[in-house]
Amino acid sequence: MGLLDLLFGDKSTLLKEALSKNGSIIDVRTTEEFRSGSIKGSINIPMDKISSSQKKISKMRQPIIVCCASGSRSASAKMMLKSSGISEVLNGGSWGKVDRLKSEL
């Protein structure tokens, strides 16, 4: 466990806990990126559609785990969803990392 994990918590552990609760995984990459590879059972809502999809997202199983290619877009999506009142949102980072952690469960 590194210094950042001690200060801010181990994100992989938090992510595994969220995945074990069978929440919804939203991939905010473009449709083309999503088609090139994705997490089984994930939903593609591109970043530019997050605002207009907030009502639909609020009805999904929580926790909501957002992911993208690197974690940058999913960080923005998390902030948008949190500000709209969705409390259980986690930035999973890259979809590959989320997929790998999901397969470990």
N, C-alpha and C. Protein backbone atom coordinates (compact mmCIF):
# COMPACT_ATOMS: atom_id res chain seq x y z
N MET A 1 0.85 -1.18 0.00
CA MET A 1 0.00 0.00 0.00
C MET A 1 0.89 1.23 0.00
N GLY A 2 0.67 2.14 -0.94
CA GLY A 2 1.48 3.33 -1.06
C GLY A 2 0.97 4.48 -0.20
N LEU A 3 1.73 5.57 -0.20
CA LEU A 3 1.36 6.74 0.59
C LEU A 3 0.01 7.30 0.17
N LEU A 4 -0.25 7.37 -1.13
CA LEU A 4 -1.55 7.89 -1.58
C LEU A 4 -2.70 7.00 -1.12
N ASP A 5 -2.48 5.69 -1.11
CA ASP A 5 -3.51 4.77 -0.61
C ASP A 5 -3.80 5.03 0.86
N LEU A 6 -2.74 5.30 1.63
CA LEU A 6 -2.93 5.59 3.05
C LEU A 6 -3.71 6.88 3.25
N LEU A 7 -3.44 7.88 2.41
CA LEU A 7 -4.10 9.17 2.54
C LEU A 7 -5.53 9.17 2.01
N PHE A 8 -5.74 8.51 0.88
CA PHE A 8 -7.02 8.61 0.20
C PHE A 8 -7.77 7.29 0.09
N GLY A 9 -7.21 6.21 0.60
CA GLY A 9 -7.86 4.91 0.50
C GLY A 9 -7.39 4.17 -0.74
N ASP A 10 -7.47 2.88 -0.70
CA ASP A 10 -7.06 2.04 -1.82
C ASP A 10 -8.20 1.99 -2.83
N LYS A 11 -8.02 2.66 -3.96
CA LYS A 11 -9.09 2.74 -4.95
C LYS A 11 -9.45 1.39 -5.53
N SER A 12 -8.49 0.49 -5.66
CA SER A 12 -8.81 -0.84 -6.19
C SER A 12 -9.73 -1.60 -5.25
N THR A 13 -9.50 -1.45 -3.95
CA THR A 13 -10.37 -2.12 -2.97
C THR A 13 -11.77 -1.54 -3.04
N LEU A 14 -11.88 -0.21 -3.11
CA LEU A 14 -13.19 0.44 -3.22
C LEU A 14 -13.90 0.00 -4.49
N LEU A 15 -13.15 -0.08 -5.57
CA LEU A 15 -13.71 -0.49 -6.85
C LEU A 15 -14.19 -1.93 -6.81
N LYS A 16 -13.41 -2.82 -6.20
CA LYS A 16 -13.81 -4.22 -6.08
C LYS A 16 -15.08 -4.34 -5.25
N GLU A 17 -15.17 -3.56 -4.17
CA GLU A 17 -16.37 -3.58 -3.34
C GLU A 17 -17.60 -3.15 -4.14
N ALA A 18 -17.44 -2.08 -4.92
CA ALA A 18 -18.54 -1.59 -5.74
C ALA A 18 -18.94 -2.62 -6.79
N LEU A 19 -17.96 -3.26 -7.42
CA LEU A 19 -18.25 -4.28 -8.42
C LEU A 19 -18.96 -5.49 -7.80
N SER A 20 -18.58 -5.83 -6.58
CA SER A 20 -19.21 -6.98 -5.92
C SER A 20 -20.68 -6.72 -5.58
N LYS A 21 -21.07 -5.46 -5.54
CA LYS A 21 -22.46 -5.10 -5.27
C LYS A 21 -23.31 -5.13 -6.54
N ASN A 22 -22.70 -5.53 -7.67
CA ASN A 22 -23.39 -5.62 -8.96
C ASN A 22 -24.06 -4.32 -9.38
N GLY A 23 -23.34 -3.23 -9.20
CA GLY A 23 -23.83 -1.94 -9.66
C GLY A 23 -23.80 -1.85 -11.18
N SER A 24 -24.07 -0.68 -11.67
CA SER A 24 -24.07 -0.44 -13.12
C SER A 24 -22.72 0.11 -13.55
N ILE A 25 -22.19 -0.43 -14.63
CA ILE A 25 -20.93 0.06 -15.19
C ILE A 25 -21.26 0.86 -16.44
N ILE A 26 -20.90 2.13 -16.42
CA ILE A 26 -21.14 3.00 -17.57
C ILE A 26 -19.79 3.37 -18.17
N ASP A 27 -19.62 3.04 -19.43
CA ASP A 27 -18.41 3.37 -20.19
C ASP A 27 -18.70 4.65 -20.96
N VAL A 28 -17.95 5.71 -20.67
CA VAL A 28 -18.21 7.02 -21.28
C VAL A 28 -17.36 7.30 -22.51
N ARG A 29 -16.70 6.27 -23.03
CA ARG A 29 -15.94 6.45 -24.28
C ARG A 29 -16.90 6.61 -25.45
N THR A 30 -16.37 7.00 -26.58
CA THR A 30 -17.20 7.12 -27.77
C THR A 30 -17.74 5.74 -28.17
N THR A 31 -18.77 5.74 -28.97
CA THR A 31 -19.35 4.49 -29.45
C THR A 31 -18.31 3.66 -30.18
N GLU A 32 -17.48 4.30 -30.98
CA GLU A 32 -16.44 3.58 -31.72
C GLU A 32 -15.44 2.93 -30.78
N GLU A 33 -15.02 3.67 -29.76
CA GLU A 33 -14.08 3.10 -28.78
C GLU A 33 -14.71 1.91 -28.07
N PHE A 34 -15.97 2.06 -27.67
CA PHE A 34 -16.69 1.01 -26.96
C PHE A 34 -16.79 -0.25 -27.81
N ARG A 35 -17.05 -0.09 -29.10
CA ARG A 35 -17.18 -1.24 -30.01
C ARG A 35 -15.86 -1.99 -30.17
N SER A 36 -14.74 -1.29 -29.95
CA SER A 36 -13.44 -1.94 -30.14
C SER A 36 -13.07 -2.83 -28.96
N GLY A 37 -13.81 -2.74 -27.87
CA GLY A 37 -13.58 -3.57 -26.69
C GLY A 37 -14.29 -2.95 -25.51
N SER A 38 -14.93 -3.79 -24.70
CA SER A 38 -15.68 -3.26 -23.56
C SER A 38 -15.87 -4.34 -22.50
N ILE A 39 -16.39 -3.93 -21.37
CA ILE A 39 -16.65 -4.82 -20.25
C ILE A 39 -18.00 -5.49 -20.49
N LYS A 40 -18.04 -6.80 -20.35
CA LYS A 40 -19.30 -7.52 -20.50
C LYS A 40 -20.33 -6.97 -19.51
N GLY A 41 -21.48 -6.60 -20.03
CA GLY A 41 -22.56 -6.08 -19.19
C GLY A 41 -22.51 -4.57 -18.97
N SER A 42 -21.48 -3.91 -19.48
CA SER A 42 -21.40 -2.46 -19.31
C SER A 42 -22.32 -1.76 -20.31
N ILE A 43 -22.62 -0.51 -20.00
CA ILE A 43 -23.49 0.31 -20.83
C ILE A 43 -22.67 1.45 -21.40
N ASN A 44 -22.80 1.70 -22.67
CA ASN A 44 -22.08 2.80 -23.29
C ASN A 44 -22.96 4.05 -23.33
N ILE A 45 -22.55 5.06 -22.58
CA ILE A 45 -23.17 6.38 -22.65
C ILE A 45 -22.01 7.35 -22.85
N PRO A 46 -21.74 7.73 -24.10
CA PRO A 46 -20.61 8.62 -24.36
C PRO A 46 -20.66 9.89 -23.52
N MET A 47 -19.50 10.41 -23.20
CA MET A 47 -19.37 11.58 -22.33
C MET A 47 -20.28 12.72 -22.76
N ASP A 48 -20.41 12.95 -24.05
CA ASP A 48 -21.24 14.07 -24.52
C ASP A 48 -22.74 13.81 -24.33
N LYS A 49 -23.11 12.61 -23.88
CA LYS A 49 -24.51 12.28 -23.64
C LYS A 49 -24.84 12.13 -22.14
N ILE A 50 -23.84 12.27 -21.29
CA ILE A 50 -24.05 12.08 -19.85
C ILE A 50 -25.08 13.05 -19.30
N SER A 51 -24.97 14.32 -19.64
CA SER A 51 -25.91 15.32 -19.12
C SER A 51 -27.35 15.00 -19.49
N SER A 52 -27.57 14.65 -20.74
CA SER A 52 -28.93 14.37 -21.20
C SER A 52 -29.44 13.01 -20.74
N SER A 53 -28.55 12.18 -20.17
CA SER A 53 -28.94 10.84 -19.72
C SER A 53 -29.04 10.73 -18.20
N GLN A 54 -28.91 11.83 -17.49
CA GLN A 54 -28.86 11.77 -16.03
C GLN A 54 -30.12 11.17 -15.41
N LYS A 55 -31.27 11.46 -15.98
CA LYS A 55 -32.52 10.89 -15.44
C LYS A 55 -32.51 9.37 -15.58
N LYS A 56 -32.11 8.88 -16.75
CA LYS A 56 -32.01 7.44 -17.01
C LYS A 56 -30.98 6.80 -16.06
N ILE A 57 -29.85 7.46 -15.89
CA ILE A 57 -28.78 6.94 -15.04
C ILE A 57 -29.22 6.87 -13.58
N SER A 58 -30.00 7.84 -13.14
CA SER A 58 -30.44 7.87 -11.74
C SER A 58 -31.32 6.67 -11.40
N LYS A 59 -31.91 6.03 -12.40
CA LYS A 59 -32.77 4.87 -12.19
C LYS A 59 -32.01 3.54 -12.26
N MET A 60 -30.72 3.60 -12.59
CA MET A 60 -29.91 2.38 -12.71
C MET A 60 -29.50 1.87 -11.33
N ARG A 61 -29.15 0.59 -11.31
CA ARG A 61 -28.63 -0.02 -10.07
C ARG A 61 -27.39 0.73 -9.61
N GLN A 62 -27.35 0.99 -8.32
CA GLN A 62 -26.19 1.66 -7.76
C GLN A 62 -25.39 0.67 -6.94
N PRO A 63 -24.11 0.85 -6.80
CA PRO A 63 -23.34 2.00 -7.21
C PRO A 63 -23.15 2.06 -8.72
N ILE A 64 -22.97 3.27 -9.20
CA ILE A 64 -22.65 3.51 -10.60
C ILE A 64 -21.14 3.59 -10.71
N ILE A 65 -20.56 2.81 -11.60
CA ILE A 65 -19.12 2.84 -11.84
C ILE A 65 -18.92 3.37 -13.25
N VAL A 66 -18.22 4.49 -13.36
CA VAL A 66 -17.96 5.07 -14.68
C VAL A 66 -16.51 4.78 -15.06
N CYS A 67 -16.30 4.50 -16.33
CA CYS A 67 -14.96 4.22 -16.82
C CYS A 67 -14.79 4.79 -18.22
N CYS A 68 -13.56 4.85 -18.67
CA CYS A 68 -13.25 5.36 -20.02
C CYS A 68 -11.93 4.74 -20.45
N ALA A 69 -11.17 5.45 -21.25
CA ALA A 69 -9.89 4.92 -21.72
C ALA A 69 -8.79 5.08 -20.66
N SER A 70 -8.76 6.23 -19.98
CA SER A 70 -7.68 6.50 -19.04
C SER A 70 -8.13 6.91 -17.64
N GLY A 71 -9.36 7.34 -17.50
CA GLY A 71 -9.86 7.81 -16.22
C GLY A 71 -10.18 9.29 -16.20
N SER A 72 -9.79 10.00 -17.24
CA SER A 72 -10.02 11.45 -17.30
C SER A 72 -11.50 11.77 -17.56
N ARG A 73 -12.05 11.18 -18.60
CA ARG A 73 -13.46 11.43 -18.91
C ARG A 73 -14.37 10.88 -17.82
N SER A 74 -14.01 9.73 -17.27
CA SER A 74 -14.85 9.16 -16.21
C SER A 74 -14.80 10.01 -14.95
N ALA A 75 -13.70 10.70 -14.69
CA ALA A 75 -13.63 11.62 -13.55
C ALA A 75 -14.61 12.77 -13.75
N SER A 76 -14.67 13.28 -14.97
CA SER A 76 -15.63 14.36 -15.28
C SER A 76 -17.05 13.86 -15.18
N ALA A 77 -17.30 12.65 -15.68
CA ALA A 77 -18.65 12.07 -15.61
C ALA A 77 -19.07 11.88 -14.16
N LYS A 78 -18.16 11.43 -13.32
CA LYS A 78 -18.47 11.24 -11.90
C LYS A 78 -18.89 12.57 -11.28
N MET A 79 -18.14 13.63 -11.55
CA MET A 79 -18.48 14.94 -10.98
C MET A 79 -19.85 15.40 -11.46
N MET A 80 -20.15 15.20 -12.74
CA MET A 80 -21.44 15.61 -13.28
C MET A 80 -22.58 14.84 -12.61
N LEU A 81 -22.41 13.54 -12.46
CA LEU A 81 -23.45 12.71 -11.86
C LEU A 81 -23.63 13.03 -10.38
N LYS A 82 -22.53 13.24 -9.68
CA LYS A 82 -22.62 13.61 -8.26
C LYS A 82 -23.36 14.94 -8.10
N SER A 83 -23.05 15.90 -8.98
CA SER A 83 -23.69 17.22 -8.87
C SER A 83 -25.17 17.16 -9.22
N SER A 84 -25.59 16.11 -9.93
CA SER A 84 -27.01 15.96 -10.26
C SER A 84 -27.77 15.19 -9.17
N GLY A 85 -27.05 14.80 -8.10
CA GLY A 85 -27.72 14.15 -6.99
C GLY A 85 -27.55 12.64 -6.91
N ILE A 86 -26.79 12.05 -7.81
CA ILE A 86 -26.54 10.61 -7.74
C ILE A 86 -25.37 10.41 -6.78
N SER A 87 -25.64 9.83 -5.63
CA SER A 87 -24.63 9.80 -4.58
C SER A 87 -23.62 8.66 -4.71
N GLU A 88 -24.04 7.53 -5.18
CA GLU A 88 -23.13 6.38 -5.26
C GLU A 88 -22.51 6.27 -6.65
N VAL A 89 -21.51 7.10 -6.90
CA VAL A 89 -20.80 7.09 -8.18
C VAL A 89 -19.32 6.93 -7.90
N LEU A 90 -18.68 6.06 -8.65
CA LEU A 90 -17.26 5.80 -8.47
C LEU A 90 -16.56 5.90 -9.82
N ASN A 91 -15.44 6.61 -9.84
CA ASN A 91 -14.62 6.66 -11.05
C ASN A 91 -13.75 5.41 -11.07
N GLY A 92 -14.07 4.51 -11.99
CA GLY A 92 -13.31 3.28 -12.10
C GLY A 92 -11.99 3.43 -12.84
N GLY A 93 -11.81 4.57 -13.52
CA GLY A 93 -10.59 4.76 -14.30
C GLY A 93 -10.72 4.11 -15.66
N SER A 94 -9.69 3.42 -16.08
CA SER A 94 -9.71 2.80 -17.41
C SER A 94 -10.62 1.58 -17.42
N TRP A 95 -11.26 1.37 -18.56
CA TRP A 95 -12.17 0.23 -18.67
C TRP A 95 -11.41 -1.09 -18.53
N GLY A 96 -10.15 -1.11 -18.96
CA GLY A 96 -9.35 -2.32 -18.85
C GLY A 96 -9.12 -2.70 -17.38
N LYS A 97 -8.85 -1.69 -16.55
CA LYS A 97 -8.65 -1.95 -15.12
C LYS A 97 -9.95 -2.47 -14.49
N VAL A 98 -11.06 -1.84 -14.80
CA VAL A 98 -12.36 -2.28 -14.26
C VAL A 98 -12.64 -3.70 -14.71
N ASP A 99 -12.39 -3.99 -15.97
CA ASP A 99 -12.63 -5.34 -16.50
C ASP A 99 -11.77 -6.37 -15.77
N ARG A 100 -10.50 -6.03 -15.56
CA ARG A 100 -9.59 -6.95 -14.87
C ARG A 100 -10.05 -7.20 -13.42
N LEU A 101 -10.42 -6.14 -12.72
CA LEU A 101 -10.89 -6.29 -11.33
C LEU A 101 -12.19 -7.07 -11.27
N LYS A 102 -13.06 -6.83 -12.24
CA LYS A 102 -14.35 -7.57 -12.28
C LYS A 102 -14.09 -9.06 -12.49
N SER A 103 -13.12 -9.40 -13.31
CA SER A 103 -12.84 -10.81 -13.59
C SER A 103 -12.21 -11.51 -12.39
N GLU A 104 -11.67 -10.75 -11.44
CA GLU A 104 -11.06 -11.33 -10.24
C GLU A 104 -12.10 -11.70 -9.18
N LEU A 105 -13.33 -11.21 -9.36
CA LEU A 105 -14.38 -11.49 -8.36
C LEU A 105 -14.93 -12.89 -8.49
